[in-house]
Amino acid sequence: MKISTFIIIAIFTVSMGALAQSKARAKRILNFTYEVQCLGADMGGMYTVKAFGRGNSRKDAIEDGFKQALYAVIFKGVTLGKPGCDARPLVNVPNAEETYEEYFNNFFKDGGEYKMYLTEDDTPNKDTKKEKKGSEDVYSVIATIKVSELKKALINKGIIPKPE
């Protein structure tokens, strides 16, 4: 009698654990990711990516989206989306963001140098409002990043070493 009660409790406990895991997995699938996604790459060193930005207005959110796209290519790499974009970040020097903080602050400031290395997709309605996070709007943007030119600029600034 005690053994059968123990077995029933054990089966119930295992079943509840499995149910909780499946609910957590389903919740992760439903949550939208704001990671930069590769839409394609060409042999000329350009990536087309989809990125997401937040801002108090549509304009601010879209500009933030373009900054997020470049930030990912420079520091994080692009791992989601179609194959073709190199997953490795351009800058793989430890603490480069802090070491070259002044340069990158100027690079990413509103209207900064970052705009030289991307082309906005001018197709109407390519940027779409995803949701509102608190007081901020979230938009997706499509950008073509001039990776080869960006890499040359980072080499010239001494931020990344010259390839051998």
N, C-alpha and C. Protein backbone atom coordinates (compact mmCIF):
# COMPACT_ATOMS: atom_id res chain seq x y z
N MET A 1 0.83 -1.19 0.00
CA MET A 1 0.00 0.00 0.00
C MET A 1 0.87 1.26 0.00
N LYS A 2 1.90 1.28 0.86
CA LYS A 2 2.77 2.44 0.93
C LYS A 2 3.57 2.61 -0.36
N ILE A 3 3.98 1.49 -0.95
CA ILE A 3 4.77 1.55 -2.18
C ILE A 3 3.92 2.09 -3.33
N SER A 4 2.68 1.65 -3.46
CA SER A 4 1.82 2.13 -4.54
C SER A 4 1.51 3.62 -4.36
N THR A 5 1.32 4.09 -3.14
CA THR A 5 1.10 5.51 -2.88
C THR A 5 2.34 6.30 -3.28
N PHE A 6 3.51 5.79 -2.93
CA PHE A 6 4.77 6.45 -3.28
C PHE A 6 4.93 6.54 -4.80
N ILE A 7 4.60 5.46 -5.50
CA ILE A 7 4.71 5.43 -6.96
C ILE A 7 3.76 6.44 -7.59
N ILE A 8 2.55 6.52 -7.08
CA ILE A 8 1.56 7.47 -7.60
C ILE A 8 2.05 8.91 -7.40
N ILE A 9 2.59 9.20 -6.22
CA ILE A 9 3.10 10.55 -5.94
C ILE A 9 4.29 10.86 -6.85
N ALA A 10 5.17 9.90 -7.07
CA ALA A 10 6.33 10.10 -7.94
C ALA A 10 5.89 10.37 -9.38
N ILE A 11 4.93 9.61 -9.87
CA ILE A 11 4.45 9.81 -11.24
C ILE A 11 3.79 11.18 -11.37
N PHE A 12 3.01 11.57 -10.38
CA PHE A 12 2.36 12.87 -10.37
C PHE A 12 3.40 14.00 -10.39
N THR A 13 4.44 13.87 -9.58
CA THR A 13 5.49 14.89 -9.50
C THR A 13 6.22 15.03 -10.84
N VAL A 14 6.56 13.91 -11.46
CA VAL A 14 7.24 13.93 -12.75
C VAL A 14 6.34 14.54 -13.81
N SER A 15 5.07 14.20 -13.79
CA SER A 15 4.12 14.75 -14.77
C SER A 15 4.00 16.25 -14.63
N MET A 16 3.92 16.74 -13.42
CA MET A 16 3.79 18.18 -13.19
C MET A 16 5.05 18.91 -13.65
N GLY A 17 6.20 18.32 -13.43
CA GLY A 17 7.46 18.93 -13.89
C GLY A 17 7.51 19.01 -15.41
N ALA A 18 7.10 17.97 -16.08
CA ALA A 18 7.08 17.96 -17.55
C ALA A 18 6.10 18.99 -18.08
N LEU A 19 4.95 19.12 -17.45
CA LEU A 19 3.96 20.11 -17.87
C LEU A 19 4.50 21.52 -17.69
N ALA A 20 5.16 21.78 -16.58
CA ALA A 20 5.74 23.11 -16.33
C ALA A 20 6.80 23.44 -17.37
N GLN A 21 7.62 22.47 -17.75
CA GLN A 21 8.65 22.70 -18.76
C GLN A 21 8.03 23.00 -20.12
N SER A 22 6.98 22.28 -20.49
CA SER A 22 6.36 22.52 -21.79
C SER A 22 5.71 23.90 -21.83
N LYS A 23 5.12 24.36 -20.73
CA LYS A 23 4.54 25.69 -20.68
C LYS A 23 5.63 26.75 -20.81
N ALA A 24 6.77 26.55 -20.14
CA ALA A 24 7.88 27.50 -20.22
C ALA A 24 8.42 27.54 -21.64
N ARG A 25 8.53 26.40 -22.30
CA ARG A 25 9.02 26.33 -23.68
C ARG A 25 8.06 27.06 -24.61
N ALA A 26 6.78 26.87 -24.42
CA ALA A 26 5.78 27.54 -25.26
C ALA A 26 5.84 29.05 -25.05
N LYS A 27 6.07 29.49 -23.83
CA LYS A 27 6.16 30.91 -23.56
C LYS A 27 7.38 31.51 -24.23
N ARG A 28 8.51 30.80 -24.23
CA ARG A 28 9.72 31.29 -24.91
C ARG A 28 9.50 31.41 -26.40
N ILE A 29 8.76 30.49 -26.98
CA ILE A 29 8.50 30.52 -28.42
C ILE A 29 7.61 31.72 -28.76
N LEU A 30 6.66 32.05 -27.91
CA LEU A 30 5.75 33.16 -28.19
C LEU A 30 6.40 34.52 -27.99
N ASN A 31 7.40 34.61 -27.11
CA ASN A 31 8.08 35.89 -26.89
C ASN A 31 8.88 36.26 -28.13
N PHE A 32 8.73 37.50 -28.56
CA PHE A 32 9.39 37.97 -29.76
C PHE A 32 10.82 38.38 -29.43
N THR A 33 11.75 38.04 -30.28
CA THR A 33 13.14 38.41 -30.05
C THR A 33 13.47 39.70 -30.80
N TYR A 34 14.28 40.52 -30.19
CA TYR A 34 14.69 41.77 -30.80
C TYR A 34 16.14 41.71 -31.27
N GLU A 35 16.61 40.54 -31.58
CA GLU A 35 17.96 40.37 -32.09
C GLU A 35 18.01 40.79 -33.55
N VAL A 36 19.17 41.24 -33.98
CA VAL A 36 19.38 41.59 -35.37
C VAL A 36 19.39 40.31 -36.20
N GLN A 37 18.71 40.34 -37.33
CA GLN A 37 18.57 39.15 -38.18
C GLN A 37 19.15 39.43 -39.55
N CYS A 38 19.88 38.46 -40.08
CA CYS A 38 20.45 38.57 -41.42
C CYS A 38 19.37 38.27 -42.45
N LEU A 39 19.23 39.15 -43.42
CA LEU A 39 18.30 38.91 -44.52
C LEU A 39 19.05 38.53 -45.79
N GLY A 40 20.36 38.76 -45.79
CA GLY A 40 21.17 38.39 -46.94
C GLY A 40 22.50 39.11 -46.94
N ALA A 41 23.43 38.60 -47.74
CA ALA A 41 24.75 39.21 -47.88
C ALA A 41 25.17 39.07 -49.33
N ASP A 42 25.97 40.02 -49.78
CA ASP A 42 26.49 39.90 -51.14
C ASP A 42 28.01 39.78 -51.10
N MET A 43 28.58 39.45 -52.22
CA MET A 43 30.02 39.22 -52.29
C MET A 43 30.81 40.52 -52.15
N GLY A 44 30.17 41.65 -52.27
CA GLY A 44 30.83 42.94 -52.17
C GLY A 44 31.03 43.41 -50.74
N GLY A 45 30.66 42.60 -49.77
CA GLY A 45 30.85 42.98 -48.37
C GLY A 45 29.73 43.81 -47.81
N MET A 46 28.51 43.54 -48.24
CA MET A 46 27.35 44.25 -47.70
C MET A 46 26.36 43.25 -47.12
N TYR A 47 25.83 43.58 -45.94
CA TYR A 47 24.81 42.75 -45.29
C TYR A 47 23.50 43.51 -45.31
N THR A 48 22.43 42.81 -45.58
CA THR A 48 21.09 43.37 -45.40
C THR A 48 20.54 42.72 -44.14
N VAL A 49 20.18 43.55 -43.17
CA VAL A 49 19.74 43.05 -41.87
C VAL A 49 18.43 43.70 -41.47
N LYS A 50 17.75 43.01 -40.59
CA LYS A 50 16.55 43.54 -39.96
C LYS A 50 16.90 43.75 -38.50
N ALA A 51 16.66 44.97 -38.02
CA ALA A 51 16.97 45.30 -36.64
C ALA A 51 15.76 45.98 -36.01
N PHE A 52 15.83 46.16 -34.72
CA PHE A 52 14.71 46.73 -33.97
C PHE A 52 15.20 47.87 -33.12
N GLY A 53 14.44 48.95 -33.10
CA GLY A 53 14.81 50.11 -32.31
C GLY A 53 13.66 50.58 -31.46
N ARG A 54 14.03 51.25 -30.39
CA ARG A 54 13.04 51.81 -29.47
C ARG A 54 13.22 53.31 -29.39
N GLY A 55 12.12 54.01 -29.21
CA GLY A 55 12.20 55.45 -29.07
C GLY A 55 10.86 56.04 -28.70
N ASN A 56 10.90 57.30 -28.29
CA ASN A 56 9.68 57.99 -27.90
C ASN A 56 8.86 58.40 -29.11
N SER A 57 9.48 58.38 -30.29
CA SER A 57 8.76 58.68 -31.53
C SER A 57 9.21 57.68 -32.58
N ARG A 58 8.50 57.67 -33.70
CA ARG A 58 8.85 56.76 -34.80
C ARG A 58 10.26 57.07 -35.30
N LYS A 59 10.57 58.33 -35.46
CA LYS A 59 11.89 58.74 -35.95
C LYS A 59 13.00 58.26 -35.02
N ASP A 60 12.82 58.47 -33.72
CA ASP A 60 13.84 58.03 -32.75
C ASP A 60 14.01 56.52 -32.75
N ALA A 61 12.89 55.80 -32.84
CA ALA A 61 12.94 54.35 -32.82
C ALA A 61 13.64 53.81 -34.07
N ILE A 62 13.38 54.42 -35.20
CA ILE A 62 14.01 53.97 -36.45
C ILE A 62 15.51 54.26 -36.42
N GLU A 63 15.89 55.43 -35.95
CA GLU A 63 17.32 55.75 -35.84
C GLU A 63 18.00 54.78 -34.88
N ASP A 64 17.35 54.46 -33.78
CA ASP A 64 17.90 53.49 -32.84
C ASP A 64 18.02 52.11 -33.48
N GLY A 65 17.08 51.75 -34.32
CA GLY A 65 17.15 50.48 -35.03
C GLY A 65 18.38 50.38 -35.92
N PHE A 66 18.70 51.47 -36.63
CA PHE A 66 19.90 51.48 -37.46
C PHE A 66 21.16 51.38 -36.61
N LYS A 67 21.16 52.06 -35.47
CA LYS A 67 22.31 51.97 -34.56
C LYS A 67 22.45 50.54 -34.02
N GLN A 68 21.33 49.91 -33.70
CA GLN A 68 21.37 48.54 -33.20
C GLN A 68 21.93 47.59 -34.25
N ALA A 69 21.59 47.82 -35.51
CA ALA A 69 22.10 46.98 -36.60
C ALA A 69 23.62 47.07 -36.68
N LEU A 70 24.13 48.29 -36.67
CA LEU A 70 25.58 48.47 -36.74
C LEU A 70 26.28 47.96 -35.48
N TYR A 71 25.67 48.20 -34.33
CA TYR A 71 26.25 47.73 -33.07
C TYR A 71 26.41 46.21 -33.10
N ALA A 72 25.40 45.52 -33.60
CA ALA A 72 25.46 44.06 -33.66
C ALA A 72 26.59 43.61 -34.59
N VAL A 73 26.71 44.22 -35.75
CA VAL A 73 27.76 43.83 -36.69
C VAL A 73 29.14 44.09 -36.09
N ILE A 74 29.29 45.21 -35.38
CA ILE A 74 30.59 45.57 -34.82
C ILE A 74 30.94 44.73 -33.60
N PHE A 75 30.03 44.59 -32.64
CA PHE A 75 30.38 44.02 -31.34
C PHE A 75 29.80 42.63 -31.05
N LYS A 76 28.67 42.28 -31.64
CA LYS A 76 28.00 41.03 -31.26
C LYS A 76 28.04 39.96 -32.34
N GLY A 77 28.05 40.37 -33.58
CA GLY A 77 27.91 39.43 -34.68
C GLY A 77 26.43 39.22 -34.97
N VAL A 78 26.14 38.71 -36.16
CA VAL A 78 24.76 38.48 -36.58
C VAL A 78 24.58 36.98 -36.76
N THR A 79 23.80 36.38 -35.88
CA THR A 79 23.65 34.92 -35.89
C THR A 79 22.28 34.45 -36.32
N LEU A 80 21.28 35.31 -36.28
CA LEU A 80 19.92 34.90 -36.64
C LEU A 80 19.63 35.21 -38.10
N GLY A 81 18.66 34.55 -38.65
CA GLY A 81 18.22 34.83 -40.00
C GLY A 81 18.86 33.91 -41.01
N LYS A 82 18.90 34.36 -42.24
CA LYS A 82 19.44 33.56 -43.34
C LYS A 82 20.95 33.43 -43.22
N PRO A 83 21.49 32.33 -43.70
CA PRO A 83 22.94 32.20 -43.71
C PRO A 83 23.54 33.21 -44.71
N GLY A 84 24.76 33.60 -44.47
CA GLY A 84 25.44 34.52 -45.38
C GLY A 84 26.14 35.62 -44.63
N CYS A 85 25.52 36.17 -43.61
CA CYS A 85 26.19 37.16 -42.80
C CYS A 85 27.18 36.43 -41.91
N ASP A 86 28.37 36.97 -41.79
CA ASP A 86 29.39 36.35 -40.94
C ASP A 86 28.96 36.53 -39.49
N ALA A 87 28.86 35.46 -38.76
CA ALA A 87 28.35 35.52 -37.39
C ALA A 87 29.30 36.22 -36.44
N ARG A 88 30.57 36.28 -36.79
CA ARG A 88 31.56 36.89 -35.89
C ARG A 88 31.46 38.42 -35.91
N PRO A 89 31.67 39.05 -34.76
CA PRO A 89 31.70 40.52 -34.74
C PRO A 89 32.98 41.04 -35.42
N LEU A 90 32.92 42.25 -35.94
CA LEU A 90 34.11 42.85 -36.54
C LEU A 90 35.19 43.11 -35.49
N VAL A 91 34.77 43.58 -34.34
CA VAL A 91 35.70 43.89 -33.26
C VAL A 91 35.65 42.75 -32.25
N ASN A 92 36.73 42.02 -32.18
CA ASN A 92 36.76 40.92 -31.20
C ASN A 92 37.88 41.12 -30.19
N VAL A 93 38.29 42.37 -30.01
CA VAL A 93 39.29 42.73 -29.01
C VAL A 93 38.55 42.92 -27.68
N PRO A 94 39.02 42.27 -26.62
CA PRO A 94 38.34 42.43 -25.32
C PRO A 94 38.29 43.89 -24.88
N ASN A 95 37.16 44.30 -24.36
CA ASN A 95 36.93 45.64 -23.82
C ASN A 95 37.12 46.76 -24.83
N ALA A 96 37.00 46.47 -26.11
CA ALA A 96 37.20 47.49 -27.14
C ALA A 96 36.18 48.62 -27.01
N GLU A 97 34.97 48.27 -26.63
CA GLU A 97 33.93 49.29 -26.49
C GLU A 97 34.32 50.32 -25.43
N GLU A 98 34.90 49.86 -24.33
CA GLU A 98 35.34 50.76 -23.27
C GLU A 98 36.65 51.45 -23.64
N THR A 99 37.57 50.71 -24.24
CA THR A 99 38.87 51.26 -24.61
C THR A 99 38.72 52.40 -25.61
N TYR A 100 37.84 52.24 -26.57
CA TYR A 100 37.62 53.25 -27.61
C TYR A 100 36.27 53.94 -27.40
N GLU A 101 35.92 54.16 -26.15
CA GLU A 101 34.61 54.72 -25.80
C GLU A 101 34.36 56.07 -26.47
N GLU A 102 35.34 56.95 -26.48
CA GLU A 102 35.15 58.27 -27.07
C GLU A 102 34.84 58.15 -28.57
N TYR A 103 35.58 57.29 -29.25
CA TYR A 103 35.34 57.10 -30.68
C TYR A 103 33.93 56.57 -30.93
N PHE A 104 33.53 55.53 -30.19
CA PHE A 104 32.23 54.94 -30.44
C PHE A 104 31.08 55.83 -29.97
N ASN A 105 31.28 56.65 -28.95
CA ASN A 105 30.25 57.62 -28.56
C ASN A 105 30.01 58.61 -29.70
N ASN A 106 31.08 59.09 -30.32
CA ASN A 106 30.93 60.00 -31.46
C ASN A 106 30.37 59.27 -32.67
N PHE A 107 30.80 58.04 -32.87
CA PHE A 107 30.35 57.23 -34.00
C PHE A 107 28.84 57.04 -33.97
N PHE A 108 28.30 56.71 -32.77
CA PHE A 108 26.87 56.39 -32.65
C PHE A 108 25.99 57.56 -32.23
N LYS A 109 26.54 58.76 -32.09
CA LYS A 109 25.68 59.89 -31.71
C LYS A 109 24.68 60.17 -32.83
N ASP A 110 23.59 60.84 -32.50
CA ASP A 110 22.57 61.16 -33.50
C ASP A 110 23.21 61.94 -34.64
N GLY A 111 23.02 61.45 -35.85
CA GLY A 111 23.61 62.07 -37.02
C GLY A 111 25.10 61.81 -37.14
N GLY A 112 25.61 60.83 -36.39
CA GLY A 112 27.04 60.55 -36.36
C GLY A 112 27.55 59.78 -37.56
N GLU A 113 28.81 59.38 -37.46
CA GLU A 113 29.52 58.71 -38.55
C GLU A 113 28.86 57.39 -38.95
N TYR A 114 28.11 56.79 -38.05
CA TYR A 114 27.50 55.48 -38.34
C TYR A 114 26.65 55.51 -39.61
N LYS A 115 26.07 56.66 -39.94
CA LYS A 115 25.19 56.75 -41.11
C LYS A 115 25.94 56.54 -42.43
N MET A 116 27.27 56.73 -42.40
CA MET A 116 28.07 56.55 -43.61
C MET A 116 28.16 55.07 -44.01
N TYR A 117 27.90 54.18 -43.07
CA TYR A 117 28.12 52.76 -43.30
C TYR A 117 26.84 51.95 -43.47
N LEU A 118 25.74 52.63 -43.70
CA LEU A 118 24.50 51.91 -43.94
C LEU A 118 23.63 52.65 -44.93
N THR A 119 22.80 51.89 -45.57
CA THR A 119 21.82 52.42 -46.49
C THR A 119 20.45 51.98 -45.99
N GLU A 120 19.58 52.94 -45.82
CA GLU A 120 18.23 52.62 -45.37
C GLU A 120 17.44 52.06 -46.54
N ASP A 121 16.67 51.05 -46.27
CA ASP A 121 15.79 50.51 -47.31
C ASP A 121 14.69 51.52 -47.52
N ASP A 122 14.58 52.03 -48.75
CA ASP A 122 13.60 53.08 -49.02
C ASP A 122 12.26 52.56 -49.52
N THR A 123 12.06 51.24 -49.41
CA THR A 123 10.77 50.68 -49.79
C THR A 123 9.71 51.15 -48.79
N PRO A 124 8.61 51.70 -49.28
CA PRO A 124 7.58 52.18 -48.34
C PRO A 124 7.11 51.08 -47.39
N ASN A 125 6.87 51.46 -46.17
CA ASN A 125 6.33 50.58 -45.13
C ASN A 125 7.24 49.40 -44.79
N LYS A 126 8.54 49.52 -45.03
CA LYS A 126 9.45 48.44 -44.64
C LYS A 126 9.69 48.46 -43.13
N ASP A 127 9.59 49.65 -42.52
CA ASP A 127 9.71 49.68 -41.06
C ASP A 127 8.31 49.50 -40.50
N THR A 128 8.19 48.63 -39.53
CA THR A 128 6.87 48.33 -39.01
C THR A 128 6.87 48.46 -37.49
N LYS A 129 5.81 48.99 -36.97
CA LYS A 129 5.68 49.12 -35.53
C LYS A 129 5.37 47.76 -34.95
N LYS A 130 6.16 47.35 -33.98
CA LYS A 130 5.97 46.05 -33.37
C LYS A 130 5.09 46.14 -32.12
N GLU A 131 5.44 47.05 -31.26
CA GLU A 131 4.69 47.16 -30.01
C GLU A 131 5.11 48.41 -29.27
N LYS A 132 4.51 48.61 -28.14
CA LYS A 132 4.85 49.73 -27.28
C LYS A 132 5.39 49.16 -25.98
N LYS A 133 6.60 49.54 -25.61
CA LYS A 133 7.23 49.11 -24.36
C LYS A 133 7.24 50.30 -23.42
N GLY A 134 6.31 50.35 -22.51
CA GLY A 134 6.22 51.50 -21.63
C GLY A 134 5.84 52.72 -22.44
N SER A 135 6.69 53.75 -22.38
CA SER A 135 6.42 54.96 -23.15
C SER A 135 7.12 54.94 -24.50
N GLU A 136 7.83 53.85 -24.81
CA GLU A 136 8.59 53.78 -26.06
C GLU A 136 7.91 52.90 -27.10
N ASP A 137 8.05 53.31 -28.35
CA ASP A 137 7.59 52.50 -29.47
C ASP A 137 8.74 51.63 -29.95
N VAL A 138 8.42 50.45 -30.44
CA VAL A 138 9.41 49.55 -30.99
C VAL A 138 9.10 49.36 -32.47
N TYR A 139 10.09 49.64 -33.32
CA TYR A 139 9.95 49.50 -34.77
C TYR A 139 11.02 48.56 -35.30
N SER A 140 10.70 47.87 -36.37
CA SER A 140 11.72 47.10 -37.08
C SER A 140 12.16 47.93 -38.28
N VAL A 141 13.42 47.80 -38.65
CA VAL A 141 13.96 48.50 -39.80
C VAL A 141 14.79 47.53 -40.63
N ILE A 142 14.91 47.83 -41.91
CA ILE A 142 15.75 47.06 -42.82
C ILE A 142 16.90 47.98 -43.22
N ALA A 143 18.12 47.50 -43.08
CA ALA A 143 19.29 48.31 -43.42
C ALA A 143 20.29 47.46 -44.19
N THR A 144 20.98 48.08 -45.11
CA THR A 144 22.09 47.44 -45.80
C THR A 144 23.36 48.05 -45.23
N ILE A 145 24.20 47.21 -44.64
CA ILE A 145 25.40 47.69 -43.97
C ILE A 145 26.60 47.44 -44.86
N LYS A 146 27.39 48.48 -45.04
CA LYS A 146 28.61 48.41 -45.85
C LYS A 146 29.74 47.87 -44.97
N VAL A 147 29.75 46.56 -44.79
CA VAL A 147 30.66 45.92 -43.84
C VAL A 147 32.12 46.10 -44.26
N SER A 148 32.43 45.96 -45.53
CA SER A 148 33.82 46.08 -45.96
C SER A 148 34.35 47.50 -45.70
N GLU A 149 33.54 48.52 -45.96
CA GLU A 149 33.96 49.90 -45.69
C GLU A 149 34.10 50.15 -44.19
N LEU A 150 33.18 49.61 -43.41
CA LEU A 150 33.23 49.75 -41.96
C LEU A 150 34.48 49.09 -41.41
N LYS A 151 34.79 47.93 -41.92
CA LYS A 151 35.99 47.21 -41.47
C LYS A 151 37.26 48.01 -41.79
N LYS A 152 37.33 48.58 -42.99
CA LYS A 152 38.48 49.41 -43.37
C LYS A 152 38.62 50.60 -42.43
N ALA A 153 37.51 51.24 -42.09
CA ALA A 153 37.55 52.40 -41.19
C ALA A 153 38.04 51.99 -39.80
N LEU A 154 37.59 50.84 -39.30
CA LEU A 154 38.03 50.38 -37.98
C LEU A 154 39.51 49.99 -38.00
N ILE A 155 39.99 49.47 -39.11
CA ILE A 155 41.42 49.17 -39.24
C ILE A 155 42.22 50.46 -39.26
N ASN A 156 41.76 51.46 -40.04
CA ASN A 156 42.46 52.75 -40.12
C ASN A 156 42.52 53.46 -38.78
N LYS A 157 41.50 53.29 -37.94
CA LYS A 157 41.47 53.91 -36.62
C LYS A 157 42.30 53.13 -35.60
N GLY A 158 42.78 51.94 -36.01
CA GLY A 158 43.58 51.12 -35.09
C GLY A 158 42.75 50.33 -34.10
N ILE A 159 41.46 50.23 -34.35
CA ILE A 159 40.58 49.52 -33.41
C ILE A 159 40.67 48.01 -33.63
N ILE A 160 40.78 47.60 -34.89
CA ILE A 160 41.00 46.18 -35.19
C ILE A 160 42.30 46.06 -35.98
N PRO A 161 43.00 44.96 -35.82
CA PRO A 161 44.28 44.80 -36.52
C PRO A 161 44.06 44.53 -38.01
N LYS A 162 45.10 44.88 -38.80
CA LYS A 162 45.06 44.60 -40.23
C LYS A 162 45.13 43.10 -40.44
N PRO A 163 44.36 42.59 -41.41
CA PRO A 163 44.46 41.15 -41.70
C PRO A 163 45.82 40.85 -42.33
N GLU A 164 46.31 39.67 -42.06
CA GLU A 164 47.63 39.31 -42.58
C GLU A 164 47.55 38.49 -43.81
